[in-house]
Amino acid sequence: MRLRNGLWKQYKNLIIKENVVHQLDTKKSVQLIIYIDTQTTLAKTIKARYLEGGIYAPDLNLFHFVKPGELQNALLNADPKIVEKLVEKILRSLTIPSGDVKIDERISTVEEIIANKPPELLSIKYLAAQVYISESRLRALFKQTTGIALYRYILWSKIRFATSCLMAGCAVNEAALKAGFVDSSHFHKVMVKMFGISPSGFINSNKEFKVIRRGSSPLNLKTVVYKG
């Protein structure tokens, strides 16, 4: 994102005040964009708390609000109920502080690496080396902290990256290799096993532009699947 003609900066999450002139570049990735009516109490609370400077970059991890499998299903099947649940949890976290719950810094670091490093680097051996603990200790600590097995978390991240590539127009084999799978067959098997849909099935189901609307005050939720 950049302000007017300023320098481009990279953000994981961003809250932008309604009158701030800006430009976004999604880099062909899947984005969750939430528009909030500025006259609602919710919007006024968020503005008063975070937007004195016009923008604010909260340190949020979506997997702290919804299970990775649920988030992936929302992307694959355009399920508005899952997306609405996620949006409500995010907004609640911004307006109703949950207290001083602290997450182990090593696990936060691992989550940050998984979110930002190239998928082909994502092995438990590599992650353990980055936080200076053994692989077995990292697996146990990650499961204890998040409730999710680290191996499955990595697979979810790779599938999320691969489906983003598919939505950006990549061929199945290209998306598989970019996401760190051995080949398209490996990608196909993992995706079918975990989500019940093949990469080609995902592409075919999203050839047509679809918009699903749900009214939920103060939200007007719109789930959009763009033509690939």
C-alpha atoms as a PDB file:
ATOM      1  CA  MET A   1       0.000   0.000   0.000  1.00  0.00           C
ATOM      2  CA  ARG A   2       1.109   3.557  -0.546  1.00  0.00           C
ATOM      3  CA  LEU A   3      -0.318   6.941   0.391  1.00  0.00           C
ATOM      4  CA  ARG A   4      -0.874   9.213  -2.612  1.00  0.00           C
ATOM      5  CA  ASN A   5       2.435   9.085  -4.507  1.00  0.00           C
ATOM      6  CA  GLY A   6       4.515   7.908  -1.556  1.00  0.00           C
ATOM      7  CA  LEU A   7       6.703   4.848  -1.210  1.00  0.00           C
ATOM      8  CA  TRP A   8       5.178   1.367  -1.368  1.00  0.00           C
ATOM      9  CA  LYS A   9       5.099  -0.469   1.973  1.00  0.00           C
ATOM     10  CA  GLN A  10       4.112  -4.050   2.705  1.00  0.00           C
ATOM     11  CA  TYR A  11       1.508  -4.856   5.380  1.00  0.00           C
ATOM     12  CA  LYS A  12       0.015  -8.076   6.678  1.00  0.00           C
ATOM     13  CA  ASN A  13      -3.101  -6.267   7.935  1.00  0.00           C
ATOM     14  CA  LEU A  14      -4.193  -2.675   7.619  1.00  0.00           C
ATOM     15  CA  ILE A  15      -7.029  -0.418   8.810  1.00  0.00           C
ATOM     16  CA  ILE A  16      -7.518   2.655   6.628  1.00  0.00           C
ATOM     17  CA  LYS A  17      -9.649   5.694   7.485  1.00  0.00           C
ATOM     18  CA  GLU A  18     -12.307   6.513   4.898  1.00  0.00           C
ATOM     19  CA  ASN A  19     -10.809   9.827   3.765  1.00  0.00           C
ATOM     20  CA  VAL A  20      -7.218   8.609   3.329  1.00  0.00           C
ATOM     21  CA  VAL A  21      -6.141   8.616  -0.331  1.00  0.00           C
ATOM     22  CA  HIS A  22      -4.226   5.403  -0.985  1.00  0.00           C
ATOM     23  CA  GLN A  23      -3.401   2.740  -3.540  1.00  0.00           C
ATOM     24  CA  LEU A  24      -3.361  -1.012  -2.970  1.00  0.00           C
ATOM     25  CA  ASP A  25      -1.483  -3.718  -4.860  1.00  0.00           C
ATOM     26  CA  THR A  26      -2.537  -7.234  -3.866  1.00  0.00           C
ATOM     27  CA  LYS A  27       0.283  -8.911  -5.838  1.00  0.00           C
ATOM     28  CA  LYS A  28      -2.399 -11.270  -7.222  1.00  0.00           C
ATOM     29  CA  SER A  29      -2.996 -12.762  -3.778  1.00  0.00           C
ATOM     30  CA  VAL A  30      -6.335 -13.483  -2.092  1.00  0.00           C
ATOM     31  CA  GLN A  31      -7.417 -10.616   0.151  1.00  0.00           C
ATOM     32  CA  LEU A  32     -10.108 -10.169   2.765  1.00  0.00           C
ATOM     33  CA  ILE A  33     -11.380  -6.580   2.509  1.00  0.00           C
ATOM     34  CA  ILE A  34     -13.960  -5.345   5.016  1.00  0.00           C
ATOM     35  CA  TYR A  35     -15.882  -2.108   4.464  1.00  0.00           C
ATOM     36  CA  ILE A  36     -17.594  -0.628   7.528  1.00  0.00           C
ATOM     37  CA  ASP A  37     -20.316   2.037   7.517  1.00  0.00           C
ATOM     38  CA  THR A  38     -18.589   5.094   9.009  1.00  0.00           C
ATOM     39  CA  GLN A  39     -21.744   6.151  10.873  1.00  0.00           C
ATOM     40  CA  THR A  40     -21.971   2.965  12.948  1.00  0.00           C
ATOM     41  CA  THR A  41     -20.819   2.720  16.555  1.00  0.00           C
ATOM     42  CA  LEU A  42     -18.411   0.011  15.463  1.00  0.00           C
ATOM     43  CA  ALA A  43     -16.659   2.307  12.968  1.00  0.00           C
ATOM     44  CA  LYS A  44     -16.532   5.203  15.417  1.00  0.00           C
ATOM     45  CA  THR A  45     -14.967   2.960  18.072  1.00  0.00           C
ATOM     46  CA  ILE A  46     -12.284   1.694  15.688  1.00  0.00           C
ATOM     47  CA  LYS A  47     -11.499   5.209  14.437  1.00  0.00           C
ATOM     48  CA  ALA A  48     -11.206   6.611  17.944  1.00  0.00           C
ATOM     49  CA  ARG A  49      -8.988   3.761  19.087  1.00  0.00           C
ATOM     50  CA  TYR A  50      -6.663   3.290  16.112  1.00  0.00           C
ATOM     51  CA  LEU A  51      -6.978   5.885  13.364  1.00  0.00           C
ATOM     52  CA  GLU A  52      -5.634   9.148  14.749  1.00  0.00           C
ATOM     53  CA  GLY A  53      -2.952   8.954  12.075  1.00  0.00           C
ATOM     54  CA  GLY A  54      -5.270   7.771   9.318  1.00  0.00           C
ATOM     55  CA  ILE A  55      -3.925   4.210   9.043  1.00  0.00           C
ATOM     56  CA  TYR A  56      -3.080   1.445  11.501  1.00  0.00           C
ATOM     57  CA  ALA A  57      -1.419  -1.949  10.995  1.00  0.00           C
ATOM     58  CA  PRO A  58      -2.755  -4.401  13.620  1.00  0.00           C
ATOM     59  CA  ASP A  59      -0.763  -7.552  14.340  1.00  0.00           C
ATOM     60  CA  LEU A  60      -3.478 -10.094  13.551  1.00  0.00           C
ATOM     61  CA  ASN A  61      -3.186 -13.743  12.530  1.00  0.00           C
ATOM     62  CA  LEU A  62      -6.402 -15.009  10.921  1.00  0.00           C
ATOM     63  CA  PHE A  63      -5.717 -18.501  12.233  1.00  0.00           C
ATOM     64  CA  HIS A  64      -6.209 -17.162  15.768  1.00  0.00           C
ATOM     65  CA  PHE A  65      -9.844 -16.431  14.854  1.00  0.00           C
ATOM     66  CA  VAL A  66     -10.819 -19.391  12.721  1.00  0.00           C
ATOM     67  CA  LYS A  67      -9.374 -22.858  12.122  1.00  0.00           C
ATOM     68  CA  PRO A  68      -7.191 -23.091   8.997  1.00  0.00           C
ATOM     69  CA  GLY A  69      -9.490 -25.706   7.469  1.00  0.00           C
ATOM     70  CA  GLU A  70     -12.527 -23.471   7.932  1.00  0.00           C
ATOM     71  CA  LEU A  71     -10.731 -20.531   6.347  1.00  0.00           C
ATOM     72  CA  GLN A  72      -9.648 -22.670   3.416  1.00  0.00           C
ATOM     73  CA  ASN A  73     -13.219 -23.903   2.925  1.00  0.00           C
ATOM     74  CA  ALA A  74     -14.393 -20.305   2.857  1.00  0.00           C
ATOM     75  CA  LEU A  75     -11.959 -19.650   0.003  1.00  0.00           C
ATOM     76  CA  LEU A  76     -12.664 -22.853  -1.888  1.00  0.00           C
ATOM     77  CA  ASN A  77     -16.428 -22.901  -1.541  1.00  0.00           C
ATOM     78  CA  ALA A  78     -17.226 -19.190  -1.058  1.00  0.00           C
ATOM     79  CA  ASP A  79     -19.132 -20.009   2.143  1.00  0.00           C
ATOM     80  CA  PRO A  80     -20.570 -16.712   3.452  1.00  0.00           C
ATOM     81  CA  LYS A  81     -21.325 -18.154   6.900  1.00  0.00           C
ATOM     82  CA  ILE A  82     -17.659 -18.941   7.515  1.00  0.00           C
ATOM     83  CA  VAL A  83     -16.528 -15.552   6.190  1.00  0.00           C
ATOM     84  CA  GLU A  84     -19.113 -13.734   8.314  1.00  0.00           C
ATOM     85  CA  LYS A  85     -17.988 -15.626  11.413  1.00  0.00           C
ATOM     86  CA  LEU A  86     -14.378 -14.672  10.684  1.00  0.00           C
ATOM     87  CA  VAL A  87     -15.218 -11.000  10.109  1.00  0.00           C
ATOM     88  CA  GLU A  88     -17.194 -10.794  13.336  1.00  0.00           C
ATOM     89  CA  LYS A  89     -14.308 -12.307  15.335  1.00  0.00           C
ATOM     90  CA  ILE A  90     -11.800  -9.889  13.802  1.00  0.00           C
ATOM     91  CA  LEU A  91     -13.968  -6.857  14.534  1.00  0.00           C
ATOM     92  CA  ARG A  92     -14.679  -8.074  18.053  1.00  0.00           C
ATOM     93  CA  SER A  93     -10.958  -8.405  18.711  1.00  0.00           C
ATOM     94  CA  LEU A  94     -10.441  -4.803  17.593  1.00  0.00           C
ATOM     95  CA  THR A  95     -13.244  -3.335  19.679  1.00  0.00           C
ATOM     96  CA  ILE A  96     -13.305  -5.572  22.758  1.00  0.00           C
ATOM     97  CA  PRO A  97      -9.756  -6.252  24.072  1.00  0.00           C
ATOM     98  CA  SER A  98      -9.416  -9.841  25.234  1.00  0.00           C
ATOM     99  CA  GLY A  99      -6.909  -9.067  28.002  1.00  0.00           C
ATOM    100  CA  ASP A 100      -3.235  -9.790  28.291  1.00  0.00           C
ATOM    101  CA  VAL A 101      -3.196 -13.249  26.730  1.00  0.00           C
ATOM    102  CA  LYS A 102       0.369 -13.855  25.608  1.00  0.00           C
ATOM    103  CA  ILE A 103       1.467 -16.303  22.950  1.00  0.00           C
ATOM    104  CA  ASP A 104       4.909 -17.901  23.113  1.00  0.00           C
ATOM    105  CA  GLU A 105       7.217 -15.668  21.065  1.00  0.00           C
ATOM    106  CA  ARG A 106       8.744 -18.690  19.354  1.00  0.00           C
ATOM    107  CA  ILE A 107       5.352 -19.773  18.049  1.00  0.00           C
ATOM    108  CA  SER A 108       4.572 -16.214  16.937  1.00  0.00           C
ATOM    109  CA  THR A 109       7.875 -16.212  15.050  1.00  0.00           C
ATOM    110  CA  VAL A 110       7.067 -19.539  13.391  1.00  0.00           C
ATOM    111  CA  GLU A 111       3.630 -18.272  12.341  1.00  0.00           C
ATOM    112  CA  GLU A 112       5.234 -15.130  10.914  1.00  0.00           C
ATOM    113  CA  ILE A 113       7.760 -17.187   8.937  1.00  0.00           C
ATOM    114  CA  ILE A 114       5.042 -19.460   7.545  1.00  0.00           C
ATOM    115  CA  ALA A 115       2.998 -16.425   6.499  1.00  0.00           C
ATOM    116  CA  ASN A 116       5.864 -14.614   4.755  1.00  0.00           C
ATOM    117  CA  LYS A 117       8.558 -17.035   3.583  1.00  0.00           C
ATOM    118  CA  PRO A 118       8.470 -18.882   0.232  1.00  0.00           C
ATOM    119  CA  PRO A 119       6.486 -22.125   0.689  1.00  0.00           C
ATOM    120  CA  GLU A 120       9.369 -24.323  -0.482  1.00  0.00           C
ATOM    121  CA  LEU A 121      11.290 -23.315   2.672  1.00  0.00           C
ATOM    122  CA  LEU A 122       8.562 -24.470   5.006  1.00  0.00           C
ATOM    123  CA  SER A 123       9.764 -27.617   6.704  1.00  0.00           C
ATOM    124  CA  ILE A 124       9.657 -28.378  10.410  1.00  0.00           C
ATOM    125  CA  LYS A 125      13.452 -28.738  10.377  1.00  0.00           C
ATOM    126  CA  TYR A 126      13.873 -25.243   8.921  1.00  0.00           C
ATOM    127  CA  LEU A 127      11.351 -23.668  11.323  1.00  0.00           C
ATOM    128  CA  ALA A 128      12.907 -25.325  14.380  1.00  0.00           C
ATOM    129  CA  ALA A 129      16.316 -23.956  13.414  1.00  0.00           C
ATOM    130  CA  GLN A 130      14.913 -20.407  13.222  1.00  0.00           C
ATOM    131  CA  VAL A 131      13.707 -20.487  16.848  1.00  0.00           C
ATOM    132  CA  TYR A 132      16.599 -22.599  18.206  1.00  0.00           C
ATOM    133  CA  ILE A 133      14.657 -25.573  19.531  1.00  0.00           C
ATOM    134  CA  SER A 134      14.408 -29.212  18.488  1.00  0.00           C
ATOM    135  CA  GLU A 135      11.872 -30.369  15.918  1.00  0.00           C
ATOM    136  CA  SER A 136      10.055 -32.516  18.473  1.00  0.00           C
ATOM    137  CA  ARG A 137       9.870 -29.614  20.954  1.00  0.00           C
ATOM    138  CA  LEU A 138       8.554 -27.282  18.266  1.00  0.00           C
ATOM    139  CA  ARG A 139       5.865 -29.755  17.193  1.00  0.00           C
ATOM    140  CA  ALA A 140       4.711 -30.210  20.790  1.00  0.00           C
ATOM    141  CA  LEU A 141       4.819 -26.492  21.622  1.00  0.00           C
ATOM    142  CA  PHE A 142       2.975 -25.515  18.439  1.00  0.00           C
ATOM    143  CA  LYS A 143       0.185 -28.043  19.052  1.00  0.00           C
ATOM    144  CA  GLN A 144      -0.078 -26.969  22.708  1.00  0.00           C
ATOM    145  CA  THR A 145      -0.272 -23.257  21.781  1.00  0.00           C
ATOM    146  CA  THR A 146      -2.513 -23.356  18.699  1.00  0.00           C
ATOM    147  CA  GLY A 147      -4.379 -26.657  18.983  1.00  0.00           C
ATOM    148  CA  ILE A 148      -3.212 -27.515  15.454  1.00  0.00           C
ATOM    149  CA  ALA A 149      -0.494 -29.926  14.359  1.00  0.00           C
ATOM    150  CA  LEU A 150       2.388 -27.982  12.804  1.00  0.00           C
ATOM    151  CA  TYR A 151       2.566 -30.308   9.788  1.00  0.00           C
ATOM    152  CA  ARG A 152      -1.094 -29.677   8.960  1.00  0.00           C
ATOM    153  CA  TYR A 153      -0.663 -25.945   9.506  1.00  0.00           C
ATOM    154  CA  ILE A 154       2.160 -25.936   6.955  1.00  0.00           C
ATOM    155  CA  LEU A 155       0.053 -27.928   4.481  1.00  0.00           C
ATOM    156  CA  TRP A 156      -2.860 -25.498   4.906  1.00  0.00           C
ATOM    157  CA  SER A 157      -0.500 -22.612   4.238  1.00  0.00           C
ATOM    158  CA  LYS A 158       0.836 -24.267   1.082  1.00  0.00           C
ATOM    159  CA  ILE A 159      -2.660 -25.017  -0.202  1.00  0.00           C
ATOM    160  CA  ARG A 160      -3.741 -21.453   0.524  1.00  0.00           C
ATOM    161  CA  PHE A 161      -0.756 -20.183  -1.473  1.00  0.00           C
ATOM    162  CA  ALA A 162      -1.430 -22.614  -4.330  1.00  0.00           C
ATOM    163  CA  THR A 163      -5.124 -21.712  -4.587  1.00  0.00           C
ATOM    164  CA  SER A 164      -4.152 -18.031  -4.633  1.00  0.00           C
ATOM    165  CA  CYS A 165      -1.908 -18.846  -7.612  1.00  0.00           C
ATOM    166  CA  LEU A 166      -4.771 -20.693  -9.318  1.00  0.00           C
ATOM    167  CA  MET A 167      -7.067 -17.712  -8.811  1.00  0.00           C
ATOM    168  CA  ALA A 168      -4.360 -15.498 -10.329  1.00  0.00           C
ATOM    169  CA  GLY A 169      -4.334 -17.633 -13.493  1.00  0.00           C
ATOM    170  CA  CYS A 170      -1.486 -20.096 -12.878  1.00  0.00           C
ATOM    171  CA  ALA A 171      -1.674 -23.618 -14.311  1.00  0.00           C
ATOM    172  CA  VAL A 172      -2.091 -26.422 -11.749  1.00  0.00           C
ATOM    173  CA  ASN A 173       1.502 -27.689 -12.103  1.00  0.00           C
ATOM    174  CA  GLU A 174       2.918 -24.165 -11.826  1.00  0.00           C
ATOM    175  CA  ALA A 175       0.817 -23.437  -8.713  1.00  0.00           C
ATOM    176  CA  ALA A 176       1.881 -26.743  -7.143  1.00  0.00           C
ATOM    177  CA  LEU A 177       5.604 -26.060  -7.629  1.00  0.00           C
ATOM    178  CA  LYS A 178       5.327 -22.451  -6.429  1.00  0.00           C
ATOM    179  CA  ALA A 179       3.589 -23.688  -3.271  1.00  0.00           C
ATOM    180  CA  GLY A 180       6.315 -26.187  -2.481  1.00  0.00           C
ATOM    181  CA  PHE A 181       4.604 -29.429  -3.516  1.00  0.00           C
ATOM    182  CA  VAL A 182       6.680 -32.107  -5.262  1.00  0.00           C
ATOM    183  CA  ASP A 183       4.449 -31.975  -8.337  1.00  0.00           C
ATOM    184  CA  SER A 184       0.817 -31.457  -9.399  1.00  0.00           C
ATOM    185  CA  SER A 185      -0.060 -35.029  -8.386  1.00  0.00           C
ATOM    186  CA  HIS A 186       1.101 -34.395  -4.816  1.00  0.00           C
ATOM    187  CA  PHE A 187      -0.875 -31.132  -4.715  1.00  0.00           C
ATOM    188  CA  HIS A 188      -3.961 -32.931  -6.090  1.00  0.00           C
ATOM    189  CA  LYS A 189      -3.807 -35.733  -3.482  1.00  0.00           C
ATOM    190  CA  VAL A 190      -3.327 -33.378  -0.526  1.00  0.00           C
ATOM    191  CA  MET A 191      -6.096 -30.996  -1.609  1.00  0.00           C
ATOM    192  CA  VAL A 192      -8.607 -33.796  -2.237  1.00  0.00           C
ATOM    193  CA  LYS A 193      -7.753 -35.497   1.064  1.00  0.00           C
ATOM    194  CA  MET A 194      -8.023 -32.329   3.141  1.00  0.00           C
ATOM    195  CA  PHE A 195     -10.858 -30.483   1.395  1.00  0.00           C
ATOM    196  CA  GLY A 196     -12.650 -32.914  -0.882  1.00  0.00           C
ATOM    197  CA  ILE A 197     -12.003 -30.900  -4.049  1.00  0.00           C
ATOM    198  CA  SER A 198      -9.293 -31.215  -6.690  1.00  0.00           C
ATOM    199  CA  PRO A 199      -7.306 -28.265  -8.075  1.00  0.00           C
ATOM    200  CA  SER A 200      -9.005 -28.670 -11.472  1.00  0.00           C
ATOM    201  CA  GLY A 201     -12.370 -28.897  -9.731  1.00  0.00           C
ATOM    202  CA  PHE A 202     -11.607 -25.674  -7.899  1.00  0.00           C
ATOM    203  CA  ILE A 203     -10.755 -23.938 -11.181  1.00  0.00           C
ATOM    204  CA  ASN A 204     -13.910 -25.217 -12.904  1.00  0.00           C
ATOM    205  CA  SER A 205     -16.150 -24.190 -10.012  1.00  0.00           C
ATOM    206  CA  ASN A 206     -14.784 -20.645 -10.163  1.00  0.00           C
ATOM    207  CA  LYS A 207     -14.960 -19.979 -13.888  1.00  0.00           C
ATOM    208  CA  GLU A 208     -18.070 -17.907 -13.423  1.00  0.00           C
ATOM    209  CA  PHE A 209     -18.189 -14.668 -11.462  1.00  0.00           C
ATOM    210  CA  LYS A 210     -20.286 -15.196  -8.323  1.00  0.00           C
ATOM    211  CA  VAL A 211     -21.449 -12.784  -5.656  1.00  0.00           C
ATOM    212  CA  ILE A 212     -23.135 -13.997  -2.482  1.00  0.00           C
ATOM    213  CA  ARG A 213     -24.722 -11.326  -0.304  1.00  0.00           C
ATOM    214  CA  ARG A 214     -25.704 -11.506   3.344  1.00  0.00           C
ATOM    215  CA  GLY A 215     -27.155  -8.667   5.350  1.00  0.00           C
ATOM    216  CA  SER A 216     -25.917  -8.423   8.914  1.00  0.00           C
ATOM    217  CA  SER A 217     -25.981  -5.049  10.667  1.00  0.00           C
ATOM    218  CA  PRO A 218     -23.646  -3.217  10.919  1.00  0.00           C
ATOM    219  CA  LEU A 219     -22.059  -5.372   8.201  1.00  0.00           C
ATOM    220  CA  ASN A 220     -23.165  -5.762   4.617  1.00  0.00           C
ATOM    221  CA  LEU A 221     -21.200  -8.879   3.782  1.00  0.00           C
ATOM    222  CA  LYS A 222     -20.298  -9.600   0.185  1.00  0.00           C
ATOM    223  CA  THR A 223     -18.424 -12.783  -0.690  1.00  0.00           C
ATOM    224  CA  VAL A 224     -16.898 -12.530  -4.145  1.00  0.00           C
ATOM    225  CA  VAL A 225     -15.171 -15.188  -6.208  1.00  0.00           C
ATOM    226  CA  TYR A 226     -13.407 -13.592  -9.154  1.00  0.00           C
ATOM    227  CA  LYS A 227     -13.161 -15.169 -12.561  1.00  0.00           C
ATOM    228  CA  GLY A 228      -9.800 -16.952 -12.754  1.00  0.00           C
END
